[in-house]
Amino acid sequence: MRTSILFLVIVGLLQAQAGLARLSLDGLWDFHFAERQSLEAAARADFKADDKMLVPGCWNAMSHYFNKHGTGLYRRTFTLAADTPNAFLVVEGVGLRSKYWIDGREIGFSKLPWSRIEFATGPLTAGAHEIVCAADSLVDNAKLKLFWDFYDFYPFGGFHHGMWLEVQQAPAQLRRVVVRTRDYQTGRVELEAQFAGTGAPDAFTAAVAFDGGAAQATAFVNRRATLAVPNFRLWSPSAPNLHTVSVADPLDANLPPTTTRFGVRQVGTANGRITLNGKPIYLKGVNRHESHYEFGVTTPVQLMYEDLRNLKDLGGNFVRGSHYAQCEAFLDLCDELGVMVWEESLGWGNKKLQLADEEFRQLQEEETRLMVRTSINHPSIIISAFMNEPDSDLPVCQSLVNRLVDVIRAEDTGHLVTFACHRNFKDISHVKTDIIAYNTYPCWYSHEMETGSAEEMRANIRKCHDEIIAYFRGKYKDNRPFIVSETGVKADYGVRDPRGKAQYTEDFQAEYERIMLEELFARPEIAGIAIWQFTDAKTYTRTKGMRHRSYGVNTGGLYDLYRRPKLVVDEIRRLYTSKPE
């Protein structure tokens, strides 16, 4: 019962934030699975259903279609109470490519896995309508440029976190209000009104109310207005204060106001540290995949909540959403619980072949812009990023990184910008970032640093970070803060070896993480850490890379796939809780 109540609270909040009427399309759909068939071969609006499937849900996480790939075809009906000049079909994450029809008419096609996507439906009449969707989980890089066969996480098929229609009630209507903090010390924020449809003016007056208080007539110029939030309280991990603003539709007084939740806070850098509201803050975090052995990427809200509660219990305050855009429900919980977020668009280990491909570059730009626009009102997001571990020693990567940095900054997010680097002695692409973020696994993947004793391991970890920091300082000659965006080792749950502490045991993992954190906490250059990783996560299975992953799972988690804690959890809790923010 608690799960259902929490889910309804989250859904209710999302509905309140939307300026258009929202019609949920979640639930049981008619379904047909075309195994090993591509979207082009299988997708059709008049398919014959022989099964049922849930939205949201991942078919290849379920017993009937476990580990199977191909195209899933979905169909259901919905009913509108009145005619509408337009609606938007919103899909919160899908694996991998997808196509959509309403009443047999194609309305959209997407090559953006994990992204929230939307398509305009055009005019719809009152009454019943049929919607058909097709989702393709095949990794075919002639057709799919954002997910390659070497990516170290599983290509789940299906709709990740739900689907809905946002329905216009007028030819032009206020749809969304973006809130940007302009002065955290005085609580001044800028409101940007965004409209659906055509014909909305650039200058207008609208009634604005904060936190359910009295509305005041406010002049908008270029669809923007700057106001002070009455009795404002800053958002921070220790005090995650949230506000709401309601803006009446200036075009039709009979339409409901658009209400948006936001936080007043400002992120920056100073003297080699990350700052929040003008004060240095240390990021004590984890990398988190949206993954569970039974649910796949469609993790329930209760599981998201449990993950964040476990992180807070460890003394953590930060999560890197690896390696794709995060869903609204998860970000809402981070806002409420005071967890800072690094959000990044989809990419993993991309090499020259991808980096030089113009379609890949265009899709990187599209998904990154979409990510920051979708989640800009979440105060928990402090870092916007992209492309985990690209070959950043190449000029073609540098040019794409610069392009993506510009894309994020053009959205005026107030976020810091970076990417996770692994070319730590060759990188040339951190020219324009706010933070130098690097991934390293000394004594694990770095075979030249293999060792047999804790003392030698400590010396090698220290040497590794000495050399990486020296390279970046020498290369860029500035005082930007550093984040260790990935580091850690793997351990199979329940495998113990207290005497020998052999690799892949919980004992070795606990010893390694203790030494690593002690060394990193002693370094003034390091402004934050994200341990790889929070929970075990499913990855490639029965493929050329299977020898590197126990039972098709990346077992680097502090918790296993079922959220059972490993021995290392006690060490992380002791060290994180002892480290001031």
Protein backbone atom coordinates (compact mmCIF):
# COMPACT_ATOMS: atom_id res chain seq x y z
CA MET A 1 0.00 0.00 0.00
CA ARG A 2 2.83 2.41 0.79
CA THR A 3 4.24 1.92 -2.71
CA SER A 4 0.90 2.84 -4.30
CA ILE A 5 0.49 5.93 -2.12
CA LEU A 6 3.98 7.19 -2.90
CA PHE A 7 3.45 6.56 -6.62
CA LEU A 8 0.20 8.53 -6.58
CA VAL A 9 1.87 11.42 -4.77
CA ILE A 10 4.60 11.59 -7.42
CA VAL A 11 2.12 11.34 -10.30
CA GLY A 12 -0.05 14.01 -8.69
CA LEU A 13 2.94 16.32 -8.45
CA LEU A 14 3.79 15.81 -12.12
CA GLN A 15 0.23 16.57 -13.10
CA ALA A 16 0.27 19.76 -11.06
CA GLN A 17 3.43 20.92 -12.83
CA ALA A 18 1.99 20.48 -16.33
CA GLY A 19 0.15 23.42 -17.86
CA LEU A 20 -1.87 21.17 -20.16
CA ALA A 21 -4.40 18.55 -19.13
CA ARG A 22 -2.64 15.21 -18.72
CA LEU A 23 -4.07 11.83 -19.72
CA SER A 24 -2.07 8.83 -18.49
CA LEU A 25 -1.52 5.97 -20.94
CA ASP A 26 0.09 3.64 -18.41
CA GLY A 27 -1.34 0.19 -17.88
CA LEU A 28 -1.86 -3.05 -19.78
CA TRP A 29 -1.59 -2.80 -23.59
CA ASP A 30 -2.27 -5.31 -26.35
CA PHE A 31 1.12 -6.69 -27.43
CA HIS A 32 2.98 -8.72 -30.01
CA PHE A 33 6.69 -9.54 -29.88
CA ALA A 34 8.58 -9.93 -33.14
CA GLU A 35 11.78 -11.67 -32.04
CA ARG A 36 14.98 -10.62 -33.86
CA GLN A 37 12.94 -8.39 -36.19
CA SER A 38 13.94 -4.76 -36.61
CA LEU A 39 11.63 -1.80 -36.34
CA GLU A 40 11.60 -1.50 -40.14
CA ALA A 41 10.58 -5.16 -40.59
CA ALA A 42 7.99 -5.43 -37.81
CA ALA A 43 6.46 -2.01 -37.12
CA ARG A 44 2.94 -1.56 -38.48
CA ALA A 45 -0.19 0.15 -37.24
CA ASP A 46 -2.49 -2.80 -38.05
CA PHE A 47 -0.58 -5.60 -36.27
CA LYS A 48 -2.34 -8.59 -34.68
CA ALA A 49 -1.88 -8.81 -30.90
CA ASP A 50 -1.42 -12.18 -29.19
CA ASP A 51 -0.31 -11.06 -25.72
CA LYS A 52 -0.44 -8.23 -23.16
CA MET A 53 2.37 -5.99 -21.88
CA LEU A 54 2.65 -3.30 -19.25
CA VAL A 55 3.62 0.30 -19.86
CA PRO A 56 5.91 1.11 -18.17
CA GLY A 57 7.73 -2.22 -18.36
CA CYS A 58 10.72 -4.02 -19.93
CA TRP A 59 9.77 -7.15 -21.82
CA ASN A 60 13.26 -8.72 -21.72
CA ALA A 61 13.37 -8.46 -17.94
CA MET A 62 10.23 -10.66 -17.73
CA SER A 63 10.23 -14.45 -17.75
CA HIS A 64 8.22 -14.78 -21.00
CA TYR A 65 10.74 -12.79 -23.06
CA PHE A 66 13.82 -12.88 -20.82
CA ASN A 67 16.97 -11.71 -22.66
CA LYS A 68 15.11 -11.67 -25.98
CA HIS A 69 15.59 -8.87 -28.49
CA GLY A 70 13.49 -7.66 -31.37
CA THR A 71 10.52 -5.32 -31.75
CA GLY A 72 7.61 -5.00 -29.34
CA LEU A 73 4.31 -3.80 -30.82
CA TYR A 74 1.81 -2.13 -28.48
CA ARG A 75 -1.80 -0.99 -28.90
CA ARG A 76 -4.53 0.53 -26.72
CA THR A 77 -7.35 3.08 -26.93
CA PHE A 78 -7.92 6.36 -25.11
CA THR A 79 -10.89 8.71 -24.93
CA LEU A 80 -10.99 12.51 -25.10
CA ALA A 81 -13.88 14.39 -23.52
CA ALA A 82 -13.64 17.28 -26.01
CA ASP A 83 -12.05 18.27 -29.30
CA THR A 84 -8.48 19.54 -29.05
CA PRO A 85 -6.43 21.58 -31.52
CA ASN A 86 -3.35 19.58 -30.52
CA ALA A 87 -1.88 17.20 -27.96
CA PHE A 88 1.60 15.98 -27.15
CA LEU A 89 2.43 12.31 -26.74
CA VAL A 90 5.14 12.21 -24.05
CA VAL A 91 7.28 9.08 -23.59
CA GLU A 92 9.58 9.02 -20.56
CA GLY A 93 12.34 6.76 -21.81
CA VAL A 94 12.21 3.89 -24.30
CA GLY A 95 14.56 1.12 -25.40
CA LEU A 96 15.83 1.59 -27.99
CA ARG A 97 14.35 3.04 -31.23
CA SER A 98 10.61 3.65 -31.42
CA LYS A 99 7.72 4.66 -33.70
CA TYR A 100 4.17 5.92 -32.95
CA TRP A 101 0.75 6.08 -34.65
CA ILE A 102 -2.60 7.55 -33.66
CA ASP A 103 -5.66 6.29 -35.56
CA GLY A 104 -3.32 4.72 -38.13
CA ARG A 105 -1.48 8.00 -38.77
CA GLU A 106 2.24 8.04 -37.97
CA ILE A 107 3.11 10.90 -35.60
CA GLY A 108 6.71 10.18 -34.61
CA PHE A 109 9.95 8.21 -34.78
CA SER A 110 12.82 8.35 -32.29
CA LYS A 111 16.48 7.31 -32.24
CA LEU A 112 17.02 8.61 -28.67
CA PRO A 113 17.12 5.74 -26.13
CA TRP A 114 16.45 6.69 -22.49
CA SER A 115 15.48 10.29 -23.37
CA ARG A 116 12.09 11.78 -22.60
CA ILE A 117 10.65 12.39 -26.07
CA GLU A 118 7.41 13.96 -27.29
CA PHE A 119 5.45 14.24 -30.52
CA ALA A 120 2.61 16.56 -31.50
CA THR A 121 -0.53 14.68 -32.47
CA GLY A 122 -2.29 17.45 -34.37
CA PRO A 123 -6.06 18.01 -33.94
CA LEU A 124 -8.04 15.23 -32.25
CA THR A 125 -11.80 15.00 -31.90
CA ALA A 126 -13.79 14.08 -28.81
CA GLY A 127 -14.29 10.36 -28.36
CA ALA A 128 -12.20 7.17 -28.66
CA HIS A 129 -8.83 6.95 -30.42
CA GLU A 130 -6.32 4.16 -31.01
CA ILE A 131 -2.63 4.51 -30.29
CA VAL A 132 0.02 2.05 -31.56
CA CYS A 133 3.70 2.06 -30.55
CA ALA A 134 6.67 -0.01 -31.65
CA ALA A 135 9.94 -0.30 -29.72
CA ASP A 136 13.05 -2.01 -31.10
CA SER A 137 15.76 -3.34 -28.71
CA LEU A 138 18.19 -4.54 -31.40
CA VAL A 139 21.67 -3.04 -31.28
CA ASP A 140 22.25 -2.36 -34.97
CA ASN A 141 24.74 0.45 -35.37
CA ALA A 142 23.91 1.04 -39.01
CA LYS A 143 20.57 2.33 -37.68
CA LEU A 144 21.21 3.15 -34.03
CA LYS A 145 24.10 5.52 -33.33
CA LEU A 146 23.62 6.24 -29.61
CA PHE A 147 23.89 2.69 -28.22
CA TRP A 148 26.74 0.45 -29.41
CA ASP A 149 27.36 -3.25 -28.83
CA PHE A 150 30.26 -2.60 -26.44
CA TYR A 151 28.28 -0.43 -24.00
CA ASP A 152 28.59 -1.89 -20.50
CA PHE A 153 24.90 -1.90 -19.57
CA TYR A 154 21.92 -3.86 -20.84
CA PRO A 155 19.69 -2.69 -23.74
CA PHE A 156 16.31 -3.23 -22.12
CA GLY A 157 13.33 -3.21 -24.48
CA GLY A 158 10.09 -1.43 -23.70
CA PHE A 159 8.85 1.82 -22.18
CA HIS A 160 10.86 2.79 -19.13
CA HIS A 161 8.86 5.19 -16.98
CA GLY A 162 5.48 5.75 -18.53
CA MET A 163 3.62 7.55 -21.27
CA TRP A 164 0.95 10.22 -21.34
CA LEU A 165 -0.87 12.78 -23.47
CA GLU A 166 -0.72 16.50 -22.70
CA VAL A 167 -3.86 17.97 -24.24
CA GLN A 168 -4.31 21.58 -25.32
CA GLN A 169 -7.59 23.24 -24.54
CA ALA A 170 -6.97 26.30 -26.76
CA PRO A 171 -5.06 27.10 -29.97
CA ALA A 172 -2.36 28.76 -27.83
CA GLN A 173 -1.92 27.94 -24.14
CA LEU A 174 0.65 28.38 -21.39
CA ARG A 175 2.35 25.00 -21.08
CA ARG A 176 5.34 25.38 -18.79
CA VAL A 177 7.19 27.89 -16.62
CA VAL A 178 10.97 27.62 -16.34
CA VAL A 179 12.44 29.05 -13.14
CA ARG A 180 16.07 30.22 -12.96
CA THR A 181 17.72 31.50 -9.79
CA ARG A 182 19.24 34.90 -10.49
CA ASP A 183 20.33 35.90 -6.97
CA TYR A 184 20.36 33.28 -4.23
CA GLN A 185 21.07 35.91 -1.57
CA THR A 186 17.89 37.87 -2.25
CA GLY A 187 15.73 35.07 -3.60
CA ARG A 188 15.30 36.66 -7.01
CA VAL A 189 14.26 34.26 -9.76
CA GLU A 190 13.49 34.65 -13.43
CA LEU A 191 10.30 33.11 -14.81
CA GLU A 192 10.19 32.09 -18.46
CA ALA A 193 6.74 31.33 -19.90
CA GLN A 194 6.63 28.63 -22.59
CA PHE A 195 3.51 28.18 -24.73
CA ALA A 196 1.96 25.39 -26.74
CA GLY A 197 0.46 26.40 -30.07
CA THR A 198 0.85 29.64 -31.97
CA GLY A 199 -0.21 33.21 -31.42
CA ALA A 200 1.06 33.83 -27.88
CA PRO A 201 2.46 37.36 -27.43
CA ASP A 202 6.01 38.12 -26.30
CA ALA A 203 4.82 40.81 -23.87
CA PHE A 204 1.86 40.33 -21.52
CA THR A 205 0.68 40.61 -17.94
CA ALA A 206 -0.11 37.50 -15.90
CA ALA A 207 -1.07 36.79 -12.29
CA VAL A 208 1.80 35.14 -10.41
CA ALA A 209 1.59 33.51 -6.97
CA PHE A 210 4.34 31.88 -4.93
CA ASP A 211 3.68 29.00 -2.53
CA GLY A 212 -0.09 29.34 -2.72
CA GLY A 213 -0.02 32.98 -1.61
CA ALA A 214 -1.74 36.03 -3.06
CA ALA A 215 -1.32 36.54 -6.79
CA GLN A 216 0.21 39.71 -8.17
CA ALA A 217 -0.09 41.09 -11.67
CA THR A 218 3.32 40.73 -13.31
CA ALA A 219 4.60 42.15 -16.58
CA PHE A 220 6.46 39.68 -18.82
CA VAL A 221 8.83 41.01 -21.49
CA ASN A 222 10.12 38.54 -24.08
CA ARG A 223 8.02 36.07 -22.09
CA ARG A 224 10.23 36.58 -19.01
CA ALA A 225 9.82 38.29 -15.66
CA THR A 226 12.11 38.60 -12.63
CA LEU A 227 10.63 38.51 -9.12
CA ALA A 228 11.73 37.98 -5.53
CA VAL A 229 10.33 34.85 -3.87
CA PRO A 230 8.59 35.94 -0.65
CA ASN A 231 10.06 34.40 2.51
CA PHE A 232 12.42 32.31 0.40
CA ARG A 233 14.50 29.49 1.84
CA LEU A 234 17.58 28.14 0.08
CA TRP A 235 17.78 24.58 -1.24
CA SER A 236 20.71 22.47 -0.01
CA PRO A 237 21.34 18.80 0.92
CA SER A 238 20.91 19.61 4.61
CA ALA A 239 17.80 21.75 4.01
CA PRO A 240 16.09 20.75 0.75
CA ASN A 241 13.58 23.60 0.76
CA LEU A 242 11.23 23.78 -2.22
CA HIS A 243 8.89 26.48 -3.49
CA THR A 244 6.07 26.61 -6.03
CA VAL A 245 5.04 29.31 -8.46
CA SER A 246 1.66 29.47 -10.21
CA VAL A 247 1.24 31.55 -13.36
CA ALA A 248 -2.21 32.24 -14.76
CA ASP A 249 -2.65 31.72 -18.49
CA PRO A 250 -2.53 35.26 -19.95
CA LEU A 251 -4.55 34.21 -23.00
CA ASP A 252 -7.59 32.68 -21.27
CA ALA A 253 -8.63 33.36 -17.68
CA ASN A 254 -10.80 30.22 -17.69
CA LEU A 255 -7.80 27.92 -18.09
CA PRO A 256 -6.12 26.61 -14.93
CA PRO A 257 -2.81 28.22 -13.90
CA THR A 258 0.46 26.42 -14.55
CA THR A 259 2.17 25.47 -11.29
CA THR A 260 5.87 24.66 -11.12
CA ARG A 261 8.03 23.43 -8.24
CA PHE A 262 11.58 24.78 -7.91
CA GLY A 263 14.38 25.53 -5.49
CA VAL A 264 16.42 28.67 -4.88
CA ARG A 265 20.10 27.80 -5.09
CA GLN A 266 23.27 28.66 -6.95
CA VAL A 267 26.14 26.37 -7.96
CA GLY A 268 29.63 27.55 -8.80
CA THR A 269 33.35 26.97 -8.38
CA ALA A 270 35.93 28.94 -6.40
CA ASN A 271 39.50 28.25 -5.31
CA GLY A 272 39.47 24.71 -6.64
CA ARG A 273 36.23 23.79 -4.86
CA ILE A 274 32.59 23.36 -5.88
CA THR A 275 30.30 25.82 -4.17
CA LEU A 276 26.61 25.72 -3.33
CA ASN A 277 25.03 29.02 -2.32
CA GLY A 278 28.49 30.56 -2.02
CA LYS A 279 29.91 27.92 0.32
CA PRO A 280 32.30 25.05 -0.52
CA ILE A 281 30.64 21.64 -0.57
CA TYR A 282 32.20 18.19 -0.88
CA LEU A 283 30.41 15.68 -3.12
CA LYS A 284 30.22 12.27 -1.45
CA GLY A 285 28.52 10.10 -3.99
CA VAL A 286 27.94 7.05 -6.09
CA ASN A 287 27.25 6.12 -9.69
CA ARG A 288 23.77 4.68 -10.07
CA HIS A 289 22.30 2.67 -12.93
CA GLU A 290 18.53 2.41 -13.28
CA SER A 291 18.63 -1.38 -13.01
CA HIS A 292 17.03 -4.27 -11.15
CA TYR A 293 17.09 -7.97 -11.95
CA GLU A 294 13.27 -8.28 -12.01
CA PHE A 295 12.21 -4.84 -13.26
CA GLY A 296 15.07 -3.96 -15.60
CA VAL A 297 15.25 -0.20 -16.11
CA THR A 298 11.61 0.21 -15.03
CA THR A 299 12.45 0.56 -11.35
CA PRO A 300 9.43 1.33 -9.15
CA VAL A 301 9.30 4.60 -7.22
CA GLN A 302 9.64 2.69 -3.94
CA LEU A 303 12.95 1.22 -5.16
CA MET A 304 14.21 4.66 -6.18
CA TYR A 305 13.26 5.93 -2.73
CA GLU A 306 15.02 3.01 -1.04
CA ASP A 307 18.18 3.68 -3.06
CA LEU A 308 18.23 7.33 -2.02
CA ARG A 309 17.50 6.49 1.61
CA ASN A 310 20.39 4.01 1.56
CA LEU A 311 22.65 6.67 0.04
CA LYS A 312 21.70 9.19 2.73
CA ASP A 313 22.25 6.53 5.39
CA LEU A 314 25.80 6.09 4.06
CA GLY A 315 26.43 9.79 4.61
CA GLY A 316 26.25 10.45 0.86
CA ASN A 317 24.87 13.61 -0.74
CA PHE A 318 25.50 13.06 -4.45
CA VAL A 319 24.56 10.68 -7.25
CA ARG A 320 25.86 10.45 -10.78
CA GLY A 321 23.08 9.22 -13.06
CA SER A 322 25.08 6.87 -15.23
CA HIS A 323 24.86 6.95 -18.21
CA TYR A 324 21.65 8.57 -19.46
CA ALA A 325 18.98 11.14 -18.65
CA GLN A 326 17.13 10.54 -15.37
CA CYS A 327 13.38 10.13 -15.03
CA GLU A 328 11.13 12.74 -13.44
CA ALA A 329 10.13 10.63 -10.43
CA PHE A 330 13.77 10.02 -9.45
CA LEU A 331 14.67 13.71 -9.79
CA ASP A 332 11.61 14.70 -7.76
CA LEU A 333 12.81 12.44 -4.95
CA CYS A 334 16.34 13.91 -5.16
CA ASP A 335 14.79 17.40 -4.88
CA GLU A 336 12.82 16.37 -1.81
CA LEU A 337 15.55 14.38 -0.04
CA GLY A 338 18.42 16.77 -0.72
CA VAL A 339 20.56 14.64 -3.02
CA MET A 340 22.71 16.50 -5.56
CA VAL A 341 22.71 15.04 -9.08
CA TRP A 342 25.10 14.76 -12.00
CA GLU A 343 22.86 14.10 -15.03
CA GLU A 344 24.41 13.06 -18.33
CA SER A 345 23.18 12.24 -21.80
CA LEU A 346 23.72 8.79 -23.30
CA GLY A 347 27.19 7.79 -24.43
CA TRP A 348 29.83 5.25 -23.37
CA GLY A 349 33.44 4.79 -24.41
CA ASN A 350 32.88 6.39 -27.79
CA LYS A 351 35.75 6.09 -30.23
CA LYS A 352 36.81 7.86 -33.41
CA LEU A 353 34.35 5.85 -35.51
CA GLN A 354 31.43 7.33 -33.58
CA LEU A 355 32.93 10.72 -32.74
CA ALA A 356 33.51 11.49 -36.43
CA ASP A 357 30.05 10.32 -37.50
CA GLU A 358 27.93 13.42 -38.17
CA GLU A 359 24.68 11.65 -37.29
CA PHE A 360 26.15 10.59 -33.93
CA ARG A 361 27.27 14.17 -33.31
CA GLN A 362 23.87 15.60 -34.19
CA LEU A 363 22.07 13.08 -31.99
CA GLN A 364 24.44 13.85 -29.11
CA GLU A 365 23.52 17.51 -29.45
CA GLU A 366 19.80 16.75 -29.71
CA GLU A 367 19.63 14.45 -26.69
CA THR A 368 21.80 16.73 -24.54
CA ARG A 369 19.68 19.79 -25.28
CA LEU A 370 16.53 17.77 -24.64
CA MET A 371 17.90 16.50 -21.32
CA VAL A 372 18.68 19.94 -19.90
CA ARG A 373 15.40 21.43 -21.11
CA THR A 374 13.41 18.59 -19.57
CA SER A 375 15.00 18.74 -16.12
CA ILE A 376 15.98 22.40 -15.75
CA ASN A 377 13.54 23.09 -12.89
CA HIS A 378 15.10 20.48 -10.57
CA PRO A 379 17.33 22.17 -7.97
CA SER A 380 18.99 18.82 -7.21
CA ILE A 381 20.80 18.84 -10.58
CA ILE A 382 24.11 20.66 -10.15
CA ILE A 383 26.08 19.11 -13.04
CA SER A 384 25.05 18.53 -16.66
CA ALA A 385 27.34 16.18 -18.59
CA PHE A 386 27.58 13.85 -21.59
CA MET A 387 29.46 10.94 -23.18
CA ASN A 388 31.07 8.83 -20.46
CA GLU A 389 34.71 7.98 -21.30
CA PRO A 390 34.99 9.16 -24.91
CA ASP A 391 38.41 9.05 -26.57
CA SER A 392 39.13 12.58 -25.41
CA ASP A 393 42.70 12.56 -26.70
CA LEU A 394 41.37 13.06 -30.25
CA PRO A 395 40.73 16.47 -31.87
CA VAL A 396 37.41 15.14 -33.20
CA CYS A 397 36.34 14.50 -29.59
CA GLN A 398 37.52 17.92 -28.45
CA SER A 399 35.36 19.59 -31.08
CA LEU A 400 32.29 17.59 -30.06
CA VAL A 401 32.86 18.23 -26.35
CA ASN A 402 33.15 21.96 -27.03
CA ARG A 403 29.93 21.78 -29.05
CA LEU A 404 28.07 20.02 -26.22
CA VAL A 405 29.37 22.43 -23.58
CA ASP A 406 27.98 25.27 -25.69
CA VAL A 407 24.64 23.46 -26.06
CA ILE A 408 24.26 23.19 -22.28
CA ARG A 409 25.36 26.75 -21.54
CA ALA A 410 22.97 28.13 -24.18
CA GLU A 411 20.09 26.74 -22.11
CA ASP A 412 21.15 28.92 -19.15
CA THR A 413 20.75 26.03 -16.73
CA GLY A 414 22.88 27.29 -13.86
CA HIS A 415 24.55 23.86 -13.85
CA LEU A 416 28.25 23.11 -13.92
CA VAL A 417 29.40 21.26 -17.06
CA THR A 418 31.83 18.36 -17.44
CA PHE A 419 32.27 14.81 -18.73
CA ALA A 420 33.91 11.71 -17.25
CA CYS A 421 37.36 11.28 -18.78
CA HIS A 422 39.46 8.11 -18.96
CA ARG A 423 42.27 9.35 -21.23
CA ASN A 424 43.89 10.69 -18.09
CA PHE A 425 47.39 11.22 -19.52
CA LYS A 426 46.35 12.24 -23.05
CA ASP A 427 43.13 14.26 -22.68
CA ILE A 428 42.81 17.43 -24.77
CA SER A 429 39.02 17.87 -24.46
CA HIS A 430 38.58 19.47 -21.01
CA VAL A 431 39.22 22.92 -22.50
CA LYS A 432 35.82 24.48 -21.71
CA THR A 433 34.47 22.39 -18.82
CA ASP A 434 33.89 23.73 -15.30
CA ILE A 435 35.23 20.62 -13.55
CA ILE A 436 37.93 18.10 -14.43
CA ALA A 437 36.24 14.74 -13.91
CA TYR A 438 38.17 11.50 -14.37
CA ASN A 439 37.60 7.76 -14.04
CA THR A 440 40.40 5.52 -12.79
CA TYR A 441 40.70 2.03 -11.34
CA PRO A 442 44.25 1.59 -10.01
CA CYS A 443 45.08 -1.97 -8.93
CA TRP A 444 42.04 -3.28 -10.78
CA TYR A 445 41.91 -2.53 -14.52
CA SER A 446 45.40 -1.01 -14.46
CA HIS A 447 47.39 -4.24 -14.67
CA GLU A 448 50.73 -2.51 -14.26
CA MET A 449 49.57 -1.65 -10.74
CA GLU A 450 48.52 -5.12 -9.63
CA THR A 451 49.72 -5.79 -6.11
CA GLY A 452 49.55 -8.29 -3.31
CA SER A 453 49.54 -6.17 -0.15
CA ALA A 454 47.46 -3.35 1.30
CA GLU A 455 50.58 -1.19 1.67
CA GLU A 456 51.55 -1.59 -1.99
CA MET A 457 47.96 -0.98 -3.03
CA ARG A 458 47.88 2.28 -1.08
CA ALA A 459 51.15 3.39 -2.66
CA ASN A 460 49.89 2.62 -6.15
CA ILE A 461 46.57 4.40 -5.60
CA ARG A 462 48.46 7.44 -4.33
CA LYS A 463 50.87 7.35 -7.29
CA CYS A 464 48.01 7.03 -9.77
CA HIS A 465 46.19 10.13 -8.53
CA ASP A 466 49.44 12.10 -8.16
CA GLU A 467 50.21 11.53 -11.83
CA ILE A 468 46.68 12.19 -13.11
CA ILE A 469 46.33 15.47 -11.21
CA ALA A 470 49.82 16.55 -12.29
CA TYR A 471 48.95 15.89 -15.94
CA PHE A 472 45.72 17.91 -15.86
CA ARG A 473 47.26 20.79 -13.91
CA GLY A 474 50.15 20.92 -16.37
CA LYS A 475 47.89 20.61 -19.40
CA TYR A 476 45.28 23.23 -18.51
CA LYS A 477 47.22 25.42 -16.03
CA ASP A 478 44.17 26.44 -14.00
CA ASN A 479 42.63 25.75 -10.62
CA ARG A 480 39.46 23.95 -11.62
CA PRO A 481 38.11 21.44 -9.07
CA PHE A 482 38.54 17.71 -9.64
CA ILE A 483 35.91 14.99 -9.28
CA VAL A 484 36.85 11.33 -9.28
CA SER A 485 33.79 10.35 -11.28
CA GLU A 486 34.43 6.58 -11.15
CA THR A 487 36.66 4.36 -9.04
CA GLY A 488 36.18 1.04 -7.30
CA VAL A 489 36.39 -2.73 -7.67
CA LYS A 490 33.95 -5.61 -8.14
CA ALA A 491 32.74 -8.12 -5.58
CA ASP A 492 30.31 -11.02 -5.93
CA TYR A 493 27.66 -10.83 -3.22
CA GLY A 494 28.20 -13.35 -0.42
CA VAL A 495 31.73 -14.36 -1.48
CA ARG A 496 34.01 -13.86 1.54
CA ASP A 497 37.73 -14.40 2.07
CA PRO A 498 38.74 -12.64 5.30
CA ARG A 499 42.26 -14.14 5.35
CA GLY A 500 43.39 -13.73 1.74
CA LYS A 501 41.05 -10.91 0.62
CA ALA A 502 41.19 -12.25 -2.93
CA GLN A 503 39.83 -10.28 -5.85
CA TYR A 504 36.04 -10.39 -6.41
CA THR A 505 35.45 -11.04 -2.69
CA GLU A 506 33.56 -8.66 -0.45
CA ASP A 507 36.62 -8.48 1.81
CA PHE A 508 38.88 -7.20 -0.97
CA GLN A 509 36.29 -4.65 -2.04
CA ALA A 510 35.93 -3.33 1.52
CA GLU A 511 39.71 -3.02 1.96
CA TYR A 512 40.18 -1.34 -1.42
CA GLU A 513 37.39 1.20 -0.95
CA ARG A 514 38.66 2.08 2.52
CA ILE A 515 42.19 2.77 1.27
CA MET A 516 40.95 4.62 -1.79
CA LEU A 517 38.67 6.96 0.19
CA GLU A 518 41.33 7.63 2.81
CA GLU A 519 43.73 8.65 0.07
CA LEU A 520 41.24 10.82 -1.82
CA PHE A 521 39.91 12.55 1.29
CA ALA A 522 43.47 13.63 2.07
CA ARG A 523 43.79 15.51 -1.24
CA PRO A 524 42.73 19.17 -1.28
CA GLU A 525 42.43 19.11 -5.11
CA ILE A 526 39.57 16.58 -5.01
CA ALA A 527 36.15 18.22 -4.63
CA GLY A 528 34.04 15.08 -4.90
CA ILE A 529 33.90 11.34 -5.45
CA ALA A 530 31.39 9.06 -7.15
CA ILE A 531 32.11 5.40 -6.31
CA TRP A 532 31.57 2.85 -9.04
CA GLN A 533 28.88 1.81 -8.37
CA PHE A 534 25.88 1.98 -6.04
CA THR A 535 24.21 -1.29 -7.00
CA ASP A 536 25.15 -4.15 -9.28
CA ALA A 537 23.67 -3.68 -12.75
CA LYS A 538 22.86 -6.00 -15.62
CA THR A 539 25.13 -5.73 -18.65
CA TYR A 540 25.91 -7.81 -21.75
CA THR A 541 24.92 -11.47 -21.47
CA ARG A 542 26.19 -14.45 -23.53
CA THR A 543 28.27 -12.20 -25.76
CA LYS A 544 31.92 -11.72 -26.64
CA GLY A 545 32.42 -9.74 -23.44
CA MET A 546 30.78 -12.19 -21.04
CA ARG A 547 34.07 -13.37 -19.54
CA HIS A 548 34.49 -9.99 -17.84
CA ARG A 549 31.08 -9.94 -16.11
CA SER A 550 29.88 -12.52 -13.59
CA TYR A 551 26.50 -13.94 -14.68
CA GLY A 552 25.97 -11.00 -17.05
CA VAL A 553 26.15 -8.46 -14.24
CA ASN A 554 28.62 -5.67 -13.45
CA THR A 555 29.21 -6.55 -9.79
CA GLY A 556 30.93 -3.33 -8.76
CA GLY A 557 27.99 -2.35 -6.57
CA LEU A 558 28.03 -1.53 -2.88
CA TYR A 559 24.68 -3.35 -2.97
CA ASP A 560 23.75 -6.25 -5.23
CA LEU A 561 20.94 -6.22 -7.80
CA TYR A 562 18.39 -6.94 -5.06
CA ARG A 563 19.76 -4.12 -2.85
CA ARG A 564 21.42 -6.49 -0.36
CA PRO A 565 24.40 -4.67 1.24
CA LYS A 566 27.92 -5.97 0.77
CA LEU A 567 30.62 -5.80 3.41
CA VAL A 568 31.93 -2.54 1.93
CA VAL A 569 28.80 -0.62 2.98
CA ASP A 570 29.97 -0.34 6.59
CA GLU A 571 33.33 1.08 5.46
CA ILE A 572 31.70 3.65 3.17
CA ARG A 573 29.28 4.71 5.90
CA ARG A 574 32.10 5.18 8.41
CA LEU A 575 34.19 7.26 6.01
CA TYR A 576 31.40 9.28 4.37
CA THR A 577 29.78 10.22 7.68
CA SER A 578 33.15 11.34 9.07
CA LYS A 579 33.87 13.62 6.08
CA PRO A 580 32.28 17.07 6.45
CA GLU A 581 30.32 18.44 3.51
